[in-house]
């Protein structure tokens, strides 16, 4: 007689992340902003600087890394997305 099938748990909208998952996601990096007087204020190294100079950048979610992979190959970090949306930023669709 065959074993009964297990009931699968429903898939949730929010993925459960393990330690290595942030390496397999695209992140949002705030490179700076324009002040009221229109002067640009840097918030840290840009992604381009990180790629060219090997300088670590910091994502909205707090992840720090040296960029080097094509982010379009990965899904967007849900924490970065949530933070950006809470700030009223428009997230472009893939």
PDB file of N, CA and C in Angstrom:
ATOM      1  N   UNK A   1       0.841  -1.185   0.000  1.00  0.00           N
ATOM      2  CA  UNK A   1       0.000   0.000   0.000  1.00  0.00           C
ATOM      3  C   UNK A   1       0.885   1.246   0.000  1.00  0.00           C
ATOM      4  N   UNK A   2       0.508   2.239  -0.782  1.00  0.00           N
ATOM      5  CA  UNK A   2       1.298   3.471  -0.907  1.00  0.00           C
ATOM      6  C   UNK A   2       1.122   4.353   0.322  1.00  0.00           C
ATOM      7  N   UNK A   3       2.192   5.088   0.633  1.00  0.00           N
ATOM      8  CA  UNK A   3       2.144   6.045   1.733  1.00  0.00           C
ATOM      9  C   UNK A   3       1.212   7.197   1.361  1.00  0.00           C
ATOM     10  N   UNK A   4       0.474   7.749   2.320  1.00  0.00           N
ATOM     11  CA  UNK A   4      -0.383   8.905   2.004  1.00  0.00           C
ATOM     12  C   UNK A   4       0.475  10.118   1.644  1.00  0.00           C
ATOM     13  N   UNK A   5      -0.055  10.947   0.771  1.00  0.00           N
ATOM     14  CA  UNK A   5       0.647  12.162   0.370  1.00  0.00           C
ATOM     15  C   UNK A   5       0.650  13.165   1.508  1.00  0.00           C
ATOM     16  N   UNK A   6       1.742  13.890   1.651  1.00  0.00           N
ATOM     17  CA  UNK A   6       1.829  14.940   2.659  1.00  0.00           C
ATOM     18  C   UNK A   6       1.099  16.177   2.161  1.00  0.00           C
ATOM     19  N   UNK A   7       0.527  16.903   3.066  1.00  0.00           N
ATOM     20  CA  UNK A   7      -0.123  18.161   2.719  1.00  0.00           C
ATOM     21  C   UNK A   7       0.947  19.240   2.749  1.00  0.00           C
ATOM     22  N   UNK A   8       1.059  19.975   1.650  1.00  0.00           N
ATOM     23  CA  UNK A   8       2.047  21.049   1.568  1.00  0.00           C
ATOM     24  C   UNK A   8       1.502  22.308   2.221  1.00  0.00           C
ATOM     25  N   UNK A   9       2.377  23.037   2.869  1.00  0.00           N
ATOM     26  CA  UNK A   9       1.982  24.310   3.456  1.00  0.00           C
ATOM     27  C   UNK A   9       1.790  25.323   2.340  1.00  0.00           C
ATOM     28  N   UNK A  10       0.842  26.239   2.499  1.00  0.00           N
ATOM     29  CA  UNK A  10       0.626  27.242   1.454  1.00  0.00           C
ATOM     30  C   UNK A  10       1.842  28.149   1.301  1.00  0.00           C
ATOM     31  N   UNK A  11       2.055  28.613   0.093  1.00  0.00           N
ATOM     32  CA  UNK A  11       3.154  29.530  -0.191  1.00  0.00           C
ATOM     33  C   UNK A  11       2.749  30.914   0.292  1.00  0.00           C
ATOM     34  N   UNK A  12       3.631  31.562   1.027  1.00  0.00           N
ATOM     35  CA  UNK A  12       3.338  32.910   1.518  1.00  0.00           C
ATOM     36  C   UNK A  12       3.842  33.945   0.535  1.00  0.00           C
ATOM     37  N   UNK A  13       3.273  35.139   0.594  1.00  0.00           N
ATOM     38  CA  UNK A  13       3.693  36.224  -0.296  1.00  0.00           C
ATOM     39  C   UNK A  13       5.096  36.702   0.048  1.00  0.00           C
ATOM     40  N   UNK A  14       5.458  36.659   1.329  1.00  0.00           N
ATOM     41  CA  UNK A  14       6.771  37.108   1.765  1.00  0.00           C
ATOM     42  C   UNK A  14       7.690  35.904   1.912  1.00  0.00           C
ATOM     43  N   UNK A  15       8.756  35.836   1.110  1.00  0.00           N
ATOM     44  CA  UNK A  15       9.647  34.690   1.222  1.00  0.00           C
ATOM     45  C   UNK A  15      10.395  34.681   2.549  1.00  0.00           C
ATOM     46  N   UNK A  16      10.701  33.504   3.028  1.00  0.00           N
ATOM     47  CA  UNK A  16      11.513  33.358   4.231  1.00  0.00           C
ATOM     48  C   UNK A  16      12.964  33.336   3.770  1.00  0.00           C
ATOM     49  N   UNK A  17      13.767  34.222   4.309  1.00  0.00           N
ATOM     50  CA  UNK A  17      15.144  34.372   3.851  1.00  0.00           C
ATOM     51  C   UNK A  17      16.096  33.659   4.788  1.00  0.00           C
ATOM     52  N   UNK A  18      17.102  33.005   4.202  1.00  0.00           N
ATOM     53  CA  UNK A  18      18.165  32.448   5.029  1.00  0.00           C
ATOM     54  C   UNK A  18      19.400  33.312   4.853  1.00  0.00           C
ATOM     55  N   UNK A  19      20.483  32.956   5.512  1.00  0.00           N
ATOM     56  CA  UNK A  19      21.699  33.786   5.516  1.00  0.00           C
ATOM     57  C   UNK A  19      22.225  34.097   4.117  1.00  0.00           C
ATOM     58  N   UNK A  20      22.182  33.156   3.176  1.00  0.00           N
ATOM     59  CA  UNK A  20      22.776  33.378   1.862  1.00  0.00           C
ATOM     60  C   UNK A  20      21.856  34.012   0.850  1.00  0.00           C
ATOM     61  N   UNK A  21      20.572  34.185   1.179  1.00  0.00           N
ATOM     62  CA  UNK A  21      19.625  34.682   0.192  1.00  0.00           C
ATOM     63  C   UNK A  21      19.917  36.109  -0.261  1.00  0.00           C
ATOM     64  N   UNK A  22      20.457  36.950   0.603  1.00  0.00           N
ATOM     65  CA  UNK A  22      20.723  38.337   0.203  1.00  0.00           C
ATOM     66  C   UNK A  22      21.786  38.408  -0.882  1.00  0.00           C
ATOM     67  N   UNK A  23      22.586  37.370  -1.038  1.00  0.00           N
ATOM     68  CA  UNK A  23      23.573  37.351  -2.111  1.00  0.00           C
ATOM     69  C   UNK A  23      22.929  37.035  -3.455  1.00  0.00           C
ATOM     70  N   UNK A  24      21.704  36.547  -3.430  1.00  0.00           N
ATOM     71  CA  UNK A  24      21.018  36.183  -4.667  1.00  0.00           C
ATOM     72  C   UNK A  24      19.867  37.136  -4.968  1.00  0.00           C
ATOM     73  N   UNK A  25      20.002  38.381  -4.546  1.00  0.00           N
ATOM     74  CA  UNK A  25      18.967  39.387  -4.765  1.00  0.00           C
ATOM     75  C   UNK A  25      19.576  40.679  -5.282  1.00  0.00           C
ATOM     76  N   UNK A  26      18.745  41.439  -5.978  1.00  0.00           N
ATOM     77  CA  UNK A  26      19.125  42.789  -6.374  1.00  0.00           C
ATOM     78  C   UNK A  26      18.728  43.718  -5.232  1.00  0.00           C
ATOM     79  N   UNK A  27      19.578  44.674  -4.923  1.00  0.00           N
ATOM     80  CA  UNK A  27      19.334  45.591  -3.805  1.00  0.00           C
ATOM     81  C   UNK A  27      19.270  47.027  -4.301  1.00  0.00           C
ATOM     82  N   UNK A  28      18.650  47.891  -3.516  1.00  0.00           N
ATOM     83  CA  UNK A  28      18.555  49.316  -3.833  1.00  0.00           C
ATOM     84  C   UNK A  28      19.588  50.059  -2.997  1.00  0.00           C
ATOM     85  N   UNK A  29      20.430  50.836  -3.680  1.00  0.00           N
ATOM     86  CA  UNK A  29      21.477  51.611  -3.016  1.00  0.00           C
ATOM     87  C   UNK A  29      21.152  53.094  -3.159  1.00  0.00           C
ATOM     88  N   UNK A  30      21.095  53.800  -2.030  1.00  0.00           N
ATOM     89  CA  UNK A  30      20.909  55.253  -2.059  1.00  0.00           C
ATOM     90  C   UNK A  30      22.294  55.867  -2.225  1.00  0.00           C
ATOM     91  N   UNK A  31      22.528  56.448  -3.385  1.00  0.00           N
ATOM     92  CA  UNK A  31      23.840  57.025  -3.659  1.00  0.00           C
ATOM     93  C   UNK A  31      23.931  58.466  -3.175  1.00  0.00           C
ATOM     94  N   UNK A  32      22.793  59.106  -2.985  1.00  0.00           N
ATOM     95  CA  UNK A  32      22.769  60.487  -2.523  1.00  0.00           C
ATOM     96  C   UNK A  32      21.435  61.125  -2.854  1.00  0.00           C
ATOM     97  N   UNK A  33      21.326  62.411  -2.575  1.00  0.00           N
ATOM     98  CA  UNK A  33      20.086  63.128  -2.840  1.00  0.00           C
ATOM     99  C   UNK A  33      20.392  64.592  -3.082  1.00  0.00           C
ATOM    100  N   UNK A  34      19.422  65.285  -3.666  1.00  0.00           N
ATOM    101  CA  UNK A  34      19.556  66.715  -3.901  1.00  0.00           C
ATOM    102  C   UNK A  34      18.886  67.461  -2.752  1.00  0.00           C
ATOM    103  N   UNK A  35      19.639  68.348  -2.124  1.00  0.00           N
ATOM    104  CA  UNK A  35      19.116  69.167  -1.026  1.00  0.00           C
ATOM    105  C   UNK A  35      18.196  70.248  -1.597  1.00  0.00           C
ATOM    106  N   UNK A  36      17.550  70.994  -0.713  1.00  0.00           N
ATOM    107  CA  UNK A  36      16.632  72.057  -1.149  1.00  0.00           C
ATOM    108  C   UNK A  36      17.324  73.088  -2.031  1.00  0.00           C
ATOM    109  N   UNK A  37      18.619  73.319  -1.782  1.00  0.00           N
ATOM    110  CA  UNK A  37      19.361  74.279  -2.602  1.00  0.00           C
ATOM    111  C   UNK A  37      19.906  73.634  -3.874  1.00  0.00           C
ATOM    112  N   UNK A  38      19.476  72.400  -4.164  1.00  0.00           N
ATOM    113  CA  UNK A  38      19.821  71.621  -5.346  1.00  0.00           C
ATOM    114  C   UNK A  38      21.263  71.114  -5.352  1.00  0.00           C
ATOM    115  N   UNK A  39      21.979  71.262  -4.242  1.00  0.00           N
ATOM    116  CA  UNK A  39      23.310  70.658  -4.142  1.00  0.00           C
ATOM    117  C   UNK A  39      23.151  69.162  -3.903  1.00  0.00           C
ATOM    118  N   UNK A  40      23.988  68.369  -4.557  1.00  0.00           N
ATOM    119  CA  UNK A  40      23.936  66.917  -4.381  1.00  0.00           C
ATOM    120  C   UNK A  40      24.715  66.533  -3.128  1.00  0.00           C
ATOM    121  N   UNK A  41      24.088  65.759  -2.269  1.00  0.00           N
ATOM    122  CA  UNK A  41      24.724  65.285  -1.047  1.00  0.00           C
ATOM    123  C   UNK A  41      24.902  63.781  -1.163  1.00  0.00           C
ATOM    124  N   UNK A  42      26.149  63.340  -1.148  1.00  0.00           N
ATOM    125  CA  UNK A  42      26.457  61.924  -1.293  1.00  0.00           C
ATOM    126  C   UNK A  42      26.089  61.165  -0.020  1.00  0.00           C
ATOM    127  N   UNK A  43      25.519  59.978  -0.213  1.00  0.00           N
ATOM    128  CA  UNK A  43      25.188  59.117   0.923  1.00  0.00           C
ATOM    129  C   UNK A  43      26.162  57.950   1.008  1.00  0.00           C
ATOM    130  N   UNK A  44      27.161  57.958   0.146  1.00  0.00           N
ATOM    131  CA  UNK A  44      28.135  56.874   0.131  1.00  0.00           C
ATOM    132  C   UNK A  44      28.573  56.590  -1.288  1.00  0.00           C
ATOM    133  N   UNK A  45      29.397  55.571  -1.457  1.00  0.00           N
ATOM    134  CA  UNK A  45      29.881  55.245  -2.793  1.00  0.00           C
ATOM    135  C   UNK A  45      28.738  54.854  -3.726  1.00  0.00           C
ATOM    136  N   UNK A  46      28.882  55.217  -4.999  1.00  0.00           N
ATOM    137  CA  UNK A  46      27.889  54.826  -5.998  1.00  0.00           C
ATOM    138  C   UNK A  46      28.146  53.382  -6.417  1.00  0.00           C
ATOM    139  N   UNK A  47      27.154  52.788  -7.042  1.00  0.00           N
ATOM    140  CA  UNK A  47      27.300  51.417  -7.526  1.00  0.00           C
ATOM    141  C   UNK A  47      28.404  51.343  -8.581  1.00  0.00           C
ATOM    142  N   UNK A  48      28.467  52.339  -9.448  1.00  0.00           N
ATOM    143  CA  UNK A  48      29.509  52.358 -10.478  1.00  0.00           C
ATOM    144  C   UNK A  48      30.889  52.435  -9.828  1.00  0.00           C
ATOM    145  N   UNK A  49      31.037  53.312  -8.830  1.00  0.00           N
ATOM    146  CA  UNK A  49      32.312  53.406  -8.120  1.00  0.00           C
ATOM    147  C   UNK A  49      32.662  52.066  -7.478  1.00  0.00           C
ATOM    148  N   UNK A  50      31.667  51.417  -6.906  1.00  0.00           N
ATOM    149  CA  UNK A  50      31.907  50.118  -6.290  1.00  0.00           C
ATOM    150  C   UNK A  50      32.397  49.085  -7.286  1.00  0.00           C
ATOM    151  N   UNK A  51      31.812  49.092  -8.481  1.00  0.00           N
ATOM    152  CA  UNK A  51      32.216  48.132  -9.512  1.00  0.00           C
ATOM    153  C   UNK A  51      33.618  48.427 -10.042  1.00  0.00           C
ATOM    154  N   UNK A  52      33.914  49.702 -10.270  1.00  0.00           N
ATOM    155  CA  UNK A  52      35.194  50.084 -10.860  1.00  0.00           C
ATOM    156  C   UNK A  52      36.339  50.029  -9.849  1.00  0.00           C
ATOM    157  N   UNK A  53      36.079  50.569  -8.650  1.00  0.00           N
ATOM    158  CA  UNK A  53      37.140  50.700  -7.656  1.00  0.00           C
ATOM    159  C   UNK A  53      37.163  49.572  -6.622  1.00  0.00           C
ATOM    160  N   UNK A  54      36.136  48.721  -6.633  1.00  0.00           N
ATOM    161  CA  UNK A  54      36.065  47.652  -5.642  1.00  0.00           C
ATOM    162  C   UNK A  54      35.660  48.157  -4.271  1.00  0.00           C
ATOM    163  N   UNK A  55      34.943  49.291  -4.244  1.00  0.00           N
ATOM    164  CA  UNK A  55      34.496  49.897  -2.993  1.00  0.00           C
ATOM    165  C   UNK A  55      33.158  49.292  -2.573  1.00  0.00           C
ATOM    166  N   UNK A  56      33.019  48.870  -1.330  1.00  0.00           N
ATOM    167  CA  UNK A  56      31.724  48.338  -0.883  1.00  0.00           C
ATOM    168  C   UNK A  56      30.641  49.420  -0.878  1.00  0.00           C
ATOM    169  N   UNK A  57      29.428  49.020  -1.227  1.00  0.00           N
ATOM    170  CA  UNK A  57      28.261  49.894  -1.168  1.00  0.00           C
ATOM    171  C   UNK A  57      27.299  49.322  -0.128  1.00  0.00           C
ATOM    172  N   UNK A  58      26.337  50.156   0.294  1.00  0.00           N
ATOM    173  CA  UNK A  58      25.382  49.710   1.307  1.00  0.00           C
ATOM    174  C   UNK A  58      23.960  49.866   0.784  1.00  0.00           C
ATOM    175  N   UNK A  59      23.194  48.786   0.843  1.00  0.00           N
ATOM    176  CA  UNK A  59      21.807  48.788   0.391  1.00  0.00           C
ATOM    177  C   UNK A  59      20.896  49.361   1.472  1.00  0.00           C
ATOM    178  N   UNK A  60      19.672  49.693   1.095  1.00  0.00           N
ATOM    179  CA  UNK A  60      18.698  50.201   2.050  1.00  0.00           C
ATOM    180  C   UNK A  60      18.459  49.204   3.184  1.00  0.00           C
ATOM    181  N   UNK A  61      18.541  47.912   2.877  1.00  0.00           N
ATOM    182  CA  UNK A  61      18.290  46.878   3.887  1.00  0.00           C
ATOM    183  C   UNK A  61      19.471  46.693   4.837  1.00  0.00           C
ATOM    184  N   UNK A  62      20.610  47.312   4.518  1.00  0.00           N
ATOM    185  CA  UNK A  62      21.781  47.197   5.376  1.00  0.00           C
ATOM    186  C   UNK A  62      22.870  46.293   4.830  1.00  0.00           C
ATOM    187  N   UNK A  63      22.584  45.532   3.774  1.00  0.00           N
ATOM    188  CA  UNK A  63      23.601  44.648   3.199  1.00  0.00           C
ATOM    189  C   UNK A  63      24.719  45.489   2.599  1.00  0.00           C
ATOM    190  N   UNK A  64      25.958  45.098   2.881  1.00  0.00           N
ATOM    191  CA  UNK A  64      27.130  45.754   2.301  1.00  0.00           C
ATOM    192  C   UNK A  64      27.873  44.741   1.448  1.00  0.00           C
ATOM    193  N   UNK A  65      28.274  45.147   0.248  1.00  0.00           N
ATOM    194  CA  UNK A  65      28.992  44.259  -0.658  1.00  0.00           C
ATOM    195  C   UNK A  65      29.659  45.084  -1.744  1.00  0.00           C
ATOM    196  N   UNK A  66      30.569  44.450  -2.454  1.00  0.00           N
ATOM    197  CA  UNK A  66      31.205  45.069  -3.622  1.00  0.00           C
ATOM    198  C   UNK A  66      30.415  44.591  -4.834  1.00  0.00           C
ATOM    199  N   UNK A  67      29.722  45.508  -5.533  1.00  0.00           N
ATOM    200  CA  UNK A  67      28.911  45.093  -6.678  1.00  0.00           C
ATOM    201  C   UNK A  67      29.773  44.561  -7.812  1.00  0.00           C
ATOM    202  N   UNK A  68      29.224  43.592  -8.494  1.00  0.00           N
ATOM    203  CA  UNK A  68      29.954  43.034  -9.622  1.00  0.00           C
ATOM    204  C   UNK A  68      29.088  42.190 -10.528  1.00  0.00           C
ATOM    205  N   UNK A  69      27.922  41.762 -10.040  1.00  0.00           N
ATOM    206  CA  UNK A  69      27.030  40.931 -10.841  1.00  0.00           C
ATOM    207  C   UNK A  69      25.918  41.783 -11.430  1.00  0.00           C
ATOM    208  N   UNK A  70      25.329  41.286 -12.514  1.00  0.00           N
ATOM    209  CA  UNK A  70      24.231  41.977 -13.168  1.00  0.00           C
ATOM    210  C   UNK A  70      22.971  41.831 -12.313  1.00  0.00           C
ATOM    211  N   UNK A  71      22.462  42.917 -11.702  1.00  0.00           N
ATOM    212  CA  UNK A  71      21.315  42.799 -10.807  1.00  0.00           C
ATOM    213  C   UNK A  71      20.021  42.406 -11.502  1.00  0.00           C
ATOM    214  N   UNK A  72      19.937  42.580 -12.828  1.00  0.00           N
ATOM    215  CA  UNK A  72      18.700  42.228 -13.527  1.00  0.00           C
ATOM    216  C   UNK A  72      18.467  40.718 -13.551  1.00  0.00           C
ATOM    217  N   UNK A  73      19.478  39.944 -13.180  1.00  0.00           N
ATOM    218  CA  UNK A  73      19.334  38.486 -13.137  1.00  0.00           C
ATOM    219  C   UNK A  73      18.677  38.001 -11.850  1.00  0.00           C
ATOM    220  N   UNK A  74      18.425  38.901 -10.909  1.00  0.00           N
ATOM    221  CA  UNK A  74      17.939  38.516  -9.586  1.00  0.00           C
ATOM    222  C   UNK A  74      16.648  39.250  -9.250  1.00  0.00           C
ATOM    223  N   UNK A  75      15.878  38.686  -8.340  1.00  0.00           N
ATOM    224  CA  UNK A  75      14.685  39.358  -7.840  1.00  0.00           C
ATOM    225  C   UNK A  75      15.072  40.463  -6.877  1.00  0.00           C
ATOM    226  N   UNK A  76      14.179  41.429  -6.713  1.00  0.00           N
ATOM    227  CA  UNK A  76      14.449  42.563  -5.834  1.00  0.00           C
ATOM    228  C   UNK A  76      14.306  42.160  -4.372  1.00  0.00           C
ATOM    229  N   UNK A  77      15.239  42.589  -3.565  1.00  0.00           N
ATOM    230  CA  UNK A  77      15.218  42.334  -2.126  1.00  0.00           C
ATOM    231  C   UNK A  77      13.913  42.889  -1.550  1.00  0.00           C
ATOM    232  N   UNK A  78      13.116  42.056  -0.876  1.00  0.00           N
ATOM    233  CA  UNK A  78      11.840  42.551  -0.352  1.00  0.00           C
ATOM    234  C   UNK A  78      12.005  43.628   0.730  1.00  0.00           C
ATOM    235  N   UNK A  79      13.086  43.582   1.480  1.00  0.00           N
ATOM    236  CA  UNK A  79      13.313  44.597   2.512  1.00  0.00           C
ATOM    237  C   UNK A  79      13.639  45.943   1.870  1.00  0.00           C
ATOM    238  N   UNK A  80      14.514  45.937   0.871  1.00  0.00           N
ATOM    239  CA  UNK A  80      14.836  47.182   0.147  1.00  0.00           C
ATOM    240  C   UNK A  80      13.576  47.759  -0.486  1.00  0.00           C
ATOM    241  N   UNK A  81      12.769  46.894  -1.098  1.00  0.00           N
ATOM    242  CA  UNK A  81      11.536  47.338  -1.756  1.00  0.00           C
ATOM    243  C   UNK A  81      10.585  47.963  -0.739  1.00  0.00           C
ATOM    244  N   UNK A  82      10.406  47.320   0.396  1.00  0.00           N
ATOM    245  CA  UNK A  82       9.504  47.833   1.431  1.00  0.00           C
ATOM    246  C   UNK A  82       9.969  49.200   1.937  1.00  0.00           C
ATOM    247  N   UNK A  83      11.264  49.349   2.159  1.00  0.00           N
ATOM    248  CA  UNK A  83      11.812  50.626   2.641  1.00  0.00           C
ATOM    249  C   UNK A  83      11.618  51.717   1.587  1.00  0.00           C
ATOM    250  N   UNK A  84      11.933  51.396   0.333  1.00  0.00           N
ATOM    251  CA  UNK A  84      11.795  52.380  -0.747  1.00  0.00           C
ATOM    252  C   UNK A  84      10.339  52.814  -0.910  1.00  0.00           C
ATOM    253  N   UNK A  85       9.413  51.861  -0.859  1.00  0.00           N
ATOM    254  CA  UNK A  85       7.994  52.201  -1.001  1.00  0.00           C
ATOM    255  C   UNK A  85       7.503  53.033   0.182  1.00  0.00           C
ATOM    256  N   UNK A  86       8.032  52.753   1.385  1.00  0.00           N
ATOM    257  CA  UNK A  86       7.618  53.535   2.565  1.00  0.00           C
ATOM    258  C   UNK A  86       8.103  54.986   2.468  1.00  0.00           C
ATOM    259  N   UNK A  87       9.154  55.202   1.680  1.00  0.00           N
ATOM    260  CA  UNK A  87       9.673  56.560   1.452  1.00  0.00           C
ATOM    261  C   UNK A  87       8.969  57.252   0.282  1.00  0.00           C
ATOM    262  N   UNK A  88       8.036  56.537  -0.355  1.00  0.00           N
ATOM    263  CA  UNK A  88       7.288  57.103  -1.473  1.00  0.00           C
ATOM    264  C   UNK A  88       7.995  56.999  -2.816  1.00  0.00           C
ATOM    265  N   UNK A  89       9.044  56.196  -2.869  1.00  0.00           N
ATOM    266  CA  UNK A  89       9.766  56.032  -4.127  1.00  0.00           C
ATOM    267  C   UNK A  89       9.004  55.089  -5.044  1.00  0.00           C
ATOM    268  N   UNK A  90       9.058  55.362  -6.330  1.00  0.00           N
ATOM    269  CA  UNK A  90       8.437  54.490  -7.309  1.00  0.00           C
ATOM    270  C   UNK A  90       9.423  53.389  -7.688  1.00  0.00           C
ATOM    271  N   UNK A  91       8.987  52.148  -7.573  1.00  0.00           N
ATOM    272  CA  UNK A  91       9.850  51.012  -7.901  1.00  0.00           C
ATOM    273  C   UNK A  91       9.550  50.610  -9.346  1.00  0.00           C
ATOM    274  N   UNK A  92      10.536  50.696 -10.239  1.00  0.00           N
ATOM    275  CA  UNK A  92      10.275  50.303 -11.632  1.00  0.00           C
ATOM    276  C   UNK A  92      10.008  48.804 -11.723  1.00  0.00           C
ATOM    277  N   UNK A  93       9.111  48.434 -12.599  1.00  0.00           N
ATOM    278  CA  UNK A  93       8.844  47.003 -12.791  1.00  0.00           C
ATOM    279  C   UNK A  93       9.939  46.410 -13.661  1.00  0.00           C
ATOM    280  N   UNK A  94      10.179  45.134 -13.444  1.00  0.00           N
ATOM    281  CA  UNK A  94      11.259  44.451 -14.188  1.00  0.00           C
ATOM    282  C   UNK A  94      10.893  44.199 -15.607  1.00  0.00           C
TER     283      UNK A  94
END
